[in-house]
Amino acid sequence: MSITNSPRKTHSRAARFALIPAVALGLIGGPIAAAGPAVASTSERGCTVDPLKPVKQDNWRRGGDRTTVDFRIHVDCNGNKTVQIRQLRFENDRGRHDDFLGRSTFWKSFDRHNDAVRIHSYDHVWNGPGREEVYQLVSFRVRSGNGDNWSDWTRWEKSEVARIH
């Protein structure tokens, strides 16, 4: 049995150069770009919200082994602002739908000074065989001053995935 390579197709120089901007702009490979939210912080109206990598807090027993995990969020605002934050917490399951752990909503108000806070949001993760992987998604909106004019909700941002032993 012999293996033969198919004849190599040649593309014009113009076609090859046209491909470079198409790939760079994401016009080709759309499913890759839409695979999920990016790991990053988002800024809106002078406030930045950063979903931090979750950290293990402790172990405790109650009908099974569970670990307390802190799903931290860093919030930094300049000036007189109020921030409403939505948080979704997940356990990462490879090849299947991720397990939903819970949701929370937070409100933080800032005075005229620039300020930053860290929000601590605790949840329990069941310890199965091996490591559990957890992450969070956050979205927020901002109100300046005491008015009723809220920004639109930001897109969901994903934290780094943490491996909990």
N, C-alpha and C. Protein backbone atom coordinates (compact mmCIF):
# COMPACT_ATOMS: atom_id res chain seq x y z
N MET A 1 0.85 -1.16 0.00
CA MET A 1 0.00 0.00 0.00
C MET A 1 0.90 1.22 0.00
N SER A 2 0.61 2.13 -0.86
CA SER A 2 1.41 3.35 -0.89
C SER A 2 0.55 4.55 -0.55
N ILE A 3 1.17 5.51 0.04
CA ILE A 3 0.48 6.75 0.40
C ILE A 3 0.96 7.83 -0.55
N THR A 4 0.01 8.46 -1.18
CA THR A 4 0.39 9.54 -2.08
C THR A 4 -0.22 10.84 -1.58
N ASN A 5 0.54 11.86 -1.67
CA ASN A 5 0.05 13.17 -1.27
C ASN A 5 -0.76 13.77 -2.40
N SER A 6 -1.81 14.44 -2.04
CA SER A 6 -2.60 15.10 -3.07
C SER A 6 -1.81 16.27 -3.61
N PRO A 7 -2.05 16.61 -4.85
CA PRO A 7 -1.30 17.72 -5.43
C PRO A 7 -1.56 18.99 -4.63
N ARG A 8 -0.53 19.75 -4.41
CA ARG A 8 -0.62 20.96 -3.61
C ARG A 8 -1.31 22.06 -4.43
N LYS A 9 -2.32 22.65 -3.80
CA LYS A 9 -3.02 23.73 -4.46
C LYS A 9 -2.22 25.01 -4.27
N THR A 10 -2.16 25.79 -5.29
CA THR A 10 -1.48 27.07 -5.17
C THR A 10 -2.52 28.18 -5.23
N HIS A 11 -2.34 29.14 -4.39
CA HIS A 11 -3.24 30.28 -4.34
C HIS A 11 -2.49 31.50 -4.84
N SER A 12 -3.23 32.39 -5.42
CA SER A 12 -2.59 33.61 -5.90
C SER A 12 -2.04 34.39 -4.72
N ARG A 13 -1.08 35.22 -4.99
CA ARG A 13 -0.47 36.05 -3.96
C ARG A 13 -1.52 36.94 -3.29
N ALA A 14 -2.43 37.51 -4.07
CA ALA A 14 -3.48 38.38 -3.53
C ALA A 14 -4.39 37.60 -2.59
N ALA A 15 -4.72 36.37 -2.93
CA ALA A 15 -5.59 35.56 -2.08
C ALA A 15 -4.92 35.25 -0.76
N ARG A 16 -3.60 34.97 -0.80
CA ARG A 16 -2.88 34.68 0.44
C ARG A 16 -2.81 35.90 1.35
N PHE A 17 -2.59 37.08 0.79
CA PHE A 17 -2.52 38.30 1.59
C PHE A 17 -3.89 38.71 2.11
N ALA A 18 -4.94 38.40 1.39
CA ALA A 18 -6.29 38.72 1.85
C ALA A 18 -6.67 37.85 3.04
N LEU A 19 -6.09 36.67 3.15
CA LEU A 19 -6.38 35.76 4.25
C LEU A 19 -5.85 36.28 5.58
N ILE A 20 -4.72 36.96 5.57
CA ILE A 20 -4.11 37.44 6.81
C ILE A 20 -5.04 38.39 7.57
N PRO A 21 -5.58 39.47 6.95
CA PRO A 21 -6.49 40.34 7.71
C PRO A 21 -7.77 39.63 8.11
N ALA A 22 -8.26 38.70 7.30
CA ALA A 22 -9.48 37.99 7.65
C ALA A 22 -9.29 37.17 8.92
N VAL A 23 -8.15 36.51 9.05
CA VAL A 23 -7.87 35.75 10.25
C VAL A 23 -7.66 36.68 11.44
N ALA A 24 -6.92 37.76 11.24
CA ALA A 24 -6.63 38.69 12.32
C ALA A 24 -7.90 39.35 12.85
N LEU A 25 -8.85 39.63 12.01
CA LEU A 25 -10.09 40.27 12.45
C LEU A 25 -11.10 39.26 12.96
N GLY A 26 -10.79 38.00 12.90
CA GLY A 26 -11.70 37.00 13.41
C GLY A 26 -12.82 36.65 12.44
N LEU A 27 -12.67 37.01 11.17
CA LEU A 27 -13.71 36.70 10.20
C LEU A 27 -13.72 35.22 9.87
N ILE A 28 -12.58 34.58 10.05
CA ILE A 28 -12.49 33.14 9.88
C ILE A 28 -12.21 32.56 11.25
N GLY A 29 -12.87 31.47 11.59
CA GLY A 29 -12.66 30.87 12.91
C GLY A 29 -13.57 31.49 13.95
N GLY A 30 -14.75 31.91 13.55
CA GLY A 30 -15.72 32.52 14.46
C GLY A 30 -16.02 31.67 15.69
N PRO A 31 -16.21 30.35 15.55
CA PRO A 31 -16.49 29.55 16.73
C PRO A 31 -15.40 29.62 17.78
N ILE A 32 -14.17 29.82 17.38
CA ILE A 32 -13.09 29.95 18.35
C ILE A 32 -13.27 31.22 19.16
N ALA A 33 -13.62 32.31 18.50
CA ALA A 33 -13.79 33.59 19.18
C ALA A 33 -15.01 33.57 20.09
N ALA A 34 -16.01 32.77 19.77
CA ALA A 34 -17.23 32.75 20.56
C ALA A 34 -17.23 31.62 21.59
N ALA A 35 -16.07 31.03 21.85
CA ALA A 35 -16.01 29.87 22.73
C ALA A 35 -16.38 30.19 24.17
N GLY A 36 -16.15 31.41 24.63
CA GLY A 36 -16.51 31.74 26.00
C GLY A 36 -15.96 33.09 26.38
N PRO A 37 -16.33 33.55 27.56
CA PRO A 37 -15.88 34.86 27.99
C PRO A 37 -14.38 34.89 28.27
N ALA A 38 -13.79 36.02 28.09
CA ALA A 38 -12.36 36.18 28.31
C ALA A 38 -12.07 36.37 29.80
N VAL A 39 -10.86 36.06 30.19
CA VAL A 39 -10.43 36.30 31.56
C VAL A 39 -9.83 37.70 31.60
N ALA A 40 -10.57 38.63 32.21
CA ALA A 40 -10.09 40.01 32.25
C ALA A 40 -11.03 40.83 33.12
N SER A 41 -10.58 42.02 33.45
CA SER A 41 -11.45 42.94 34.17
C SER A 41 -12.14 43.84 33.15
N THR A 42 -13.22 44.46 33.58
CA THR A 42 -13.98 45.34 32.72
C THR A 42 -14.15 46.68 33.42
N SER A 43 -14.08 47.76 32.65
CA SER A 43 -14.29 49.10 33.19
C SER A 43 -15.54 49.70 32.59
N GLU A 44 -16.28 50.45 33.40
CA GLU A 44 -17.49 51.12 32.97
C GLU A 44 -17.70 52.35 33.84
N ARG A 45 -17.82 53.50 33.22
CA ARG A 45 -18.12 54.78 33.92
C ARG A 45 -17.21 55.03 35.12
N GLY A 46 -15.95 54.76 35.00
CA GLY A 46 -15.00 55.04 36.08
C GLY A 46 -14.88 53.96 37.13
N CYS A 47 -15.50 52.80 36.91
CA CYS A 47 -15.38 51.68 37.84
C CYS A 47 -14.82 50.47 37.09
N THR A 48 -13.97 49.72 37.79
CA THR A 48 -13.39 48.49 37.24
C THR A 48 -13.74 47.35 38.17
N VAL A 49 -14.22 46.26 37.60
CA VAL A 49 -14.57 45.07 38.37
C VAL A 49 -13.76 43.91 37.80
N ASP A 50 -13.05 43.21 38.69
CA ASP A 50 -12.17 42.12 38.28
C ASP A 50 -12.53 40.86 39.05
N PRO A 51 -13.06 39.81 38.37
CA PRO A 51 -13.32 38.55 39.06
C PRO A 51 -11.99 37.84 39.31
N LEU A 52 -11.63 37.68 40.57
CA LEU A 52 -10.35 37.08 40.93
C LEU A 52 -10.45 35.55 40.94
N LYS A 53 -9.31 34.91 40.83
CA LYS A 53 -9.24 33.45 40.88
C LYS A 53 -9.73 32.98 42.25
N PRO A 54 -10.70 32.06 42.30
CA PRO A 54 -11.19 31.57 43.59
C PRO A 54 -10.08 30.91 44.41
N VAL A 55 -10.20 30.99 45.73
CA VAL A 55 -9.21 30.38 46.63
C VAL A 55 -9.91 29.50 47.67
N LYS A 56 -9.24 28.42 48.02
CA LYS A 56 -9.75 27.49 49.02
C LYS A 56 -9.65 28.12 50.40
N GLN A 57 -10.68 27.93 51.23
CA GLN A 57 -10.67 28.47 52.59
C GLN A 57 -10.42 27.40 53.64
N ASP A 58 -11.20 26.33 53.64
CA ASP A 58 -11.03 25.29 54.65
C ASP A 58 -11.77 24.03 54.23
N ASN A 59 -11.61 22.96 55.01
CA ASN A 59 -12.36 21.72 54.82
C ASN A 59 -13.25 21.53 56.04
N TRP A 60 -14.42 20.96 55.82
CA TRP A 60 -15.27 20.60 56.93
C TRP A 60 -16.17 19.46 56.51
N ARG A 61 -16.64 18.70 57.48
CA ARG A 61 -17.47 17.51 57.21
C ARG A 61 -18.89 17.77 57.69
N ARG A 62 -19.83 17.33 56.85
CA ARG A 62 -21.24 17.37 57.23
C ARG A 62 -21.98 16.52 56.21
N GLY A 63 -21.99 15.23 56.44
CA GLY A 63 -22.63 14.32 55.50
C GLY A 63 -21.79 14.11 54.25
N GLY A 64 -20.54 14.44 54.29
CA GLY A 64 -19.64 14.32 53.15
C GLY A 64 -18.59 15.41 53.22
N ASP A 65 -17.57 15.27 52.44
CA ASP A 65 -16.50 16.27 52.45
C ASP A 65 -16.86 17.43 51.55
N ARG A 66 -16.75 18.63 52.09
CA ARG A 66 -16.96 19.83 51.31
C ARG A 66 -15.85 20.82 51.65
N THR A 67 -15.52 21.64 50.69
CA THR A 67 -14.50 22.67 50.87
C THR A 67 -15.16 24.02 50.68
N THR A 68 -14.81 24.96 51.55
CA THR A 68 -15.30 26.33 51.40
C THR A 68 -14.35 27.06 50.46
N VAL A 69 -14.92 27.71 49.45
CA VAL A 69 -14.15 28.44 48.46
C VAL A 69 -14.59 29.90 48.48
N ASP A 70 -13.61 30.81 48.43
CA ASP A 70 -13.88 32.25 48.37
C ASP A 70 -13.79 32.71 46.92
N PHE A 71 -14.92 33.10 46.35
CA PHE A 71 -15.00 33.62 44.99
C PHE A 71 -14.89 35.14 45.09
N ARG A 72 -13.66 35.65 45.10
CA ARG A 72 -13.38 37.06 45.36
C ARG A 72 -13.58 37.94 44.13
N ILE A 73 -13.98 39.19 44.39
CA ILE A 73 -14.17 40.17 43.33
C ILE A 73 -13.49 41.47 43.77
N HIS A 74 -12.65 42.05 42.92
CA HIS A 74 -12.00 43.33 43.21
C HIS A 74 -12.78 44.44 42.49
N VAL A 75 -13.16 45.47 43.23
CA VAL A 75 -13.93 46.59 42.68
C VAL A 75 -13.18 47.88 42.96
N ASP A 76 -12.96 48.69 41.93
CA ASP A 76 -12.23 49.95 42.05
C ASP A 76 -13.03 51.04 41.34
N CYS A 77 -13.40 52.11 42.06
CA CYS A 77 -14.20 53.20 41.48
C CYS A 77 -13.58 54.54 41.79
N ASN A 78 -13.75 55.48 40.87
CA ASN A 78 -13.33 56.85 41.11
C ASN A 78 -14.56 57.74 41.24
N GLY A 79 -14.65 58.40 42.37
CA GLY A 79 -15.74 59.35 42.56
C GLY A 79 -17.01 58.73 43.12
N ASN A 80 -18.06 59.51 43.10
CA ASN A 80 -19.35 59.18 43.70
C ASN A 80 -20.11 58.20 42.79
N LYS A 81 -19.99 56.91 43.08
CA LYS A 81 -20.58 55.86 42.23
C LYS A 81 -21.24 54.78 43.09
N THR A 82 -22.20 54.10 42.51
CA THR A 82 -22.77 52.89 43.08
C THR A 82 -22.64 51.81 42.02
N VAL A 83 -22.21 50.62 42.44
CA VAL A 83 -22.01 49.50 41.53
C VAL A 83 -22.91 48.35 41.97
N GLN A 84 -23.62 47.76 41.02
CA GLN A 84 -24.38 46.54 41.26
C GLN A 84 -23.69 45.43 40.48
N ILE A 85 -23.34 44.34 41.18
CA ILE A 85 -22.57 43.25 40.58
C ILE A 85 -23.38 41.96 40.65
N ARG A 86 -23.44 41.26 39.53
CA ARG A 86 -24.05 39.92 39.48
C ARG A 86 -22.92 38.91 39.40
N GLN A 87 -23.03 37.85 40.18
CA GLN A 87 -22.00 36.80 40.21
C GLN A 87 -22.65 35.44 40.03
N LEU A 88 -22.05 34.61 39.17
CA LEU A 88 -22.44 33.21 38.99
C LEU A 88 -21.23 32.35 39.29
N ARG A 89 -21.41 31.30 40.10
CA ARG A 89 -20.30 30.43 40.51
C ARG A 89 -20.51 29.02 39.92
N PHE A 90 -19.41 28.45 39.40
CA PHE A 90 -19.49 27.15 38.72
C PHE A 90 -18.36 26.23 39.12
N GLU A 91 -18.65 24.93 39.01
CA GLU A 91 -17.63 23.90 39.07
C GLU A 91 -17.42 23.42 37.64
N ASN A 92 -16.19 23.45 37.18
CA ASN A 92 -15.84 23.13 35.81
C ASN A 92 -15.85 21.62 35.61
N ASP A 93 -16.67 21.12 34.69
CA ASP A 93 -16.70 19.70 34.36
C ASP A 93 -16.27 19.52 32.92
N ARG A 94 -15.20 18.81 32.71
CA ARG A 94 -14.66 18.62 31.36
C ARG A 94 -15.63 17.82 30.50
N GLY A 95 -15.91 18.34 29.31
CA GLY A 95 -16.72 17.62 28.36
C GLY A 95 -18.21 17.58 28.66
N ARG A 96 -18.62 18.17 29.77
CA ARG A 96 -20.04 18.19 30.12
C ARG A 96 -20.42 19.61 30.50
N HIS A 97 -21.67 19.79 30.81
CA HIS A 97 -22.11 21.10 31.29
C HIS A 97 -21.52 21.33 32.67
N ASP A 98 -21.03 22.54 32.91
CA ASP A 98 -20.47 22.87 34.22
C ASP A 98 -21.58 22.89 35.26
N ASP A 99 -21.22 22.48 36.49
CA ASP A 99 -22.20 22.46 37.58
C ASP A 99 -22.36 23.87 38.14
N PHE A 100 -23.60 24.33 38.20
CA PHE A 100 -23.92 25.63 38.76
C PHE A 100 -23.90 25.52 40.29
N LEU A 101 -23.09 26.35 40.95
CA LEU A 101 -22.99 26.32 42.41
C LEU A 101 -23.92 27.34 43.07
N GLY A 102 -24.05 28.51 42.47
CA GLY A 102 -24.91 29.53 43.08
C GLY A 102 -24.73 30.88 42.43
N ARG A 103 -25.53 31.84 42.88
CA ARG A 103 -25.47 33.19 42.35
C ARG A 103 -25.59 34.17 43.51
N SER A 104 -25.04 35.35 43.32
CA SER A 104 -25.13 36.42 44.32
C SER A 104 -25.24 37.75 43.60
N THR A 105 -25.78 38.73 44.30
CA THR A 105 -25.82 40.10 43.81
C THR A 105 -25.25 40.98 44.91
N PHE A 106 -24.38 41.91 44.54
CA PHE A 106 -23.73 42.80 45.49
C PHE A 106 -23.97 44.25 45.07
N TRP A 107 -24.09 45.13 46.06
CA TRP A 107 -24.19 46.57 45.85
C TRP A 107 -23.06 47.21 46.64
N LYS A 108 -22.28 48.05 46.00
CA LYS A 108 -21.22 48.80 46.69
C LYS A 108 -21.33 50.26 46.29
N SER A 109 -21.28 51.14 47.30
CA SER A 109 -21.32 52.58 47.05
C SER A 109 -19.98 53.19 47.42
N PHE A 110 -19.57 54.16 46.63
CA PHE A 110 -18.30 54.85 46.83
C PHE A 110 -18.57 56.34 46.95
N ASP A 111 -17.83 57.02 47.85
CA ASP A 111 -18.02 58.46 48.02
C ASP A 111 -17.19 59.22 46.99
N ARG A 112 -16.93 60.47 47.24
CA ARG A 112 -16.23 61.31 46.26
C ARG A 112 -14.79 60.91 46.02
N HIS A 113 -14.21 60.12 46.89
CA HIS A 113 -12.80 59.73 46.77
C HIS A 113 -12.66 58.46 45.94
N ASN A 114 -11.52 58.31 45.32
CA ASN A 114 -11.22 57.06 44.62
C ASN A 114 -11.04 55.98 45.68
N ASP A 115 -11.62 54.81 45.44
CA ASP A 115 -11.56 53.77 46.45
C ASP A 115 -11.61 52.40 45.77
N ALA A 116 -11.14 51.40 46.49
CA ALA A 116 -11.19 50.02 46.00
C ALA A 116 -11.56 49.11 47.16
N VAL A 117 -12.33 48.06 46.85
CA VAL A 117 -12.72 47.07 47.86
C VAL A 117 -12.59 45.68 47.26
N ARG A 118 -12.51 44.71 48.13
CA ARG A 118 -12.52 43.31 47.71
C ARG A 118 -13.75 42.67 48.34
N ILE A 119 -14.59 42.09 47.49
CA ILE A 119 -15.79 41.41 47.95
C ILE A 119 -15.45 39.94 48.12
N HIS A 120 -15.89 39.36 49.23
CA HIS A 120 -15.68 37.93 49.49
C HIS A 120 -17.04 37.24 49.40
N SER A 121 -17.10 36.22 48.57
CA SER A 121 -18.33 35.47 48.36
C SER A 121 -17.99 33.99 48.52
N TYR A 122 -18.54 33.37 49.56
CA TYR A 122 -18.17 32.00 49.89
C TYR A 122 -19.21 31.01 49.38
N ASP A 123 -18.72 29.87 48.92
CA ASP A 123 -19.60 28.78 48.51
C ASP A 123 -18.90 27.47 48.87
N HIS A 124 -19.67 26.39 48.89
CA HIS A 124 -19.13 25.08 49.25
C HIS A 124 -19.04 24.21 48.01
N VAL A 125 -17.91 23.52 47.88
CA VAL A 125 -17.66 22.63 46.76
C VAL A 125 -17.45 21.24 47.32
N TRP A 126 -18.16 20.26 46.73
CA TRP A 126 -18.00 18.88 47.16
C TRP A 126 -16.66 18.36 46.70
N ASN A 127 -15.95 17.69 47.60
CA ASN A 127 -14.66 17.09 47.26
C ASN A 127 -14.90 15.70 46.69
N GLY A 128 -14.74 15.59 45.39
CA GLY A 128 -14.82 14.28 44.75
C GLY A 128 -13.43 13.69 44.66
N PRO A 129 -13.30 12.57 44.00
CA PRO A 129 -11.95 12.02 43.80
C PRO A 129 -11.15 12.96 42.90
N GLY A 130 -9.94 13.25 43.28
CA GLY A 130 -9.10 14.14 42.49
C GLY A 130 -9.35 15.61 42.83
N ARG A 131 -9.13 16.46 41.84
CA ARG A 131 -9.26 17.89 42.05
C ARG A 131 -10.57 18.40 41.48
N GLU A 132 -11.11 19.40 42.14
CA GLU A 132 -12.28 20.10 41.61
C GLU A 132 -11.78 21.42 41.03
N GLU A 133 -12.37 21.83 39.93
CA GLU A 133 -12.00 23.09 39.30
C GLU A 133 -13.20 24.02 39.35
N VAL A 134 -12.98 25.24 39.84
CA VAL A 134 -14.08 26.20 40.00
C VAL A 134 -13.71 27.53 39.38
N TYR A 135 -14.74 28.29 39.01
CA TYR A 135 -14.55 29.63 38.46
C TYR A 135 -15.82 30.44 38.70
N GLN A 136 -15.76 31.71 38.37
CA GLN A 136 -16.93 32.57 38.50
C GLN A 136 -17.07 33.46 37.27
N LEU A 137 -18.29 33.92 37.05
CA LEU A 137 -18.58 34.92 36.03
C LEU A 137 -19.18 36.12 36.74
N VAL A 138 -18.77 37.33 36.35
CA VAL A 138 -19.35 38.55 36.93
C VAL A 138 -19.75 39.51 35.81
N SER A 139 -20.78 40.27 36.09
CA SER A 139 -21.25 41.34 35.23
C SER A 139 -21.69 42.46 36.16
N PHE A 140 -21.60 43.71 35.72
CA PHE A 140 -21.98 44.80 36.61
C PHE A 140 -22.53 46.00 35.83
N ARG A 141 -23.14 46.90 36.59
CA ARG A 141 -23.59 48.18 36.05
C ARG A 141 -23.27 49.26 37.07
N VAL A 142 -23.21 50.51 36.61
CA VAL A 142 -22.75 51.62 37.45
C VAL A 142 -23.76 52.76 37.39
N ARG A 143 -23.94 53.39 38.53
CA ARG A 143 -24.75 54.62 38.63
C ARG A 143 -23.85 55.71 39.19
N SER A 144 -23.83 56.86 38.52
CA SER A 144 -23.07 58.02 39.00
C SER A 144 -23.96 58.87 39.89
N GLY A 145 -23.41 59.29 41.04
CA GLY A 145 -24.18 60.15 41.95
C GLY A 145 -25.38 59.41 42.54
N ASN A 146 -26.46 60.18 42.79
CA ASN A 146 -27.65 59.60 43.41
C ASN A 146 -28.81 59.47 42.44
N GLY A 147 -28.55 59.65 41.15
CA GLY A 147 -29.61 59.59 40.15
C GLY A 147 -30.07 58.17 39.87
N ASP A 148 -30.99 58.05 38.93
CA ASP A 148 -31.52 56.75 38.53
C ASP A 148 -30.95 56.28 37.21
N ASN A 149 -29.93 56.97 36.71
CA ASN A 149 -29.37 56.65 35.40
C ASN A 149 -28.26 55.61 35.52
N TRP A 150 -28.63 54.34 35.32
CA TRP A 150 -27.69 53.24 35.39
C TRP A 150 -27.10 52.99 34.01
N SER A 151 -25.87 52.53 33.98
CA SER A 151 -25.27 52.08 32.72
C SER A 151 -25.92 50.75 32.33
N ASP A 152 -25.65 50.30 31.12
CA ASP A 152 -26.07 48.96 30.72
C ASP A 152 -25.21 47.95 31.48
N TRP A 153 -25.69 46.72 31.57
CA TRP A 153 -24.89 45.65 32.18
C TRP A 153 -23.70 45.37 31.28
N THR A 154 -22.53 45.15 31.89
CA THR A 154 -21.35 44.77 31.11
C THR A 154 -21.49 43.31 30.68
N ARG A 155 -20.63 42.90 29.76
CA ARG A 155 -20.62 41.49 29.37
C ARG A 155 -20.08 40.68 30.54
N TRP A 156 -20.37 39.39 30.55
CA TRP A 156 -19.89 38.51 31.61
C TRP A 156 -18.39 38.31 31.46
N GLU A 157 -17.68 38.42 32.56
CA GLU A 157 -16.23 38.19 32.59
C GLU A 157 -15.96 36.95 33.45
N LYS A 158 -15.04 36.13 32.99
CA LYS A 158 -14.72 34.88 33.67
C LYS A 158 -13.40 35.03 34.42
N SER A 159 -13.39 34.48 35.63
CA SER A 159 -12.15 34.46 36.41
C SER A 159 -11.26 33.32 35.91
N GLU A 160 -10.06 33.28 36.43
CA GLU A 160 -9.21 32.11 36.19
C GLU A 160 -9.85 30.91 36.86
N VAL A 161 -9.59 29.74 36.33
CA VAL A 161 -10.10 28.51 36.93
C VAL A 161 -9.13 28.09 38.03
N ALA A 162 -9.67 27.80 39.21
CA ALA A 162 -8.86 27.37 40.35
C ALA A 162 -9.04 25.88 40.56
N ARG A 163 -7.94 25.19 40.83
CA ARG A 163 -7.97 23.77 41.15
C ARG A 163 -7.98 23.62 42.66
N ILE A 164 -9.04 23.02 43.17
CA ILE A 164 -9.20 22.84 44.60
C ILE A 164 -8.95 21.38 44.93
N HIS A 165 -8.02 21.13 45.87
CA HIS A 165 -7.67 19.74 46.25
C HIS A 165 -8.48 19.32 47.45
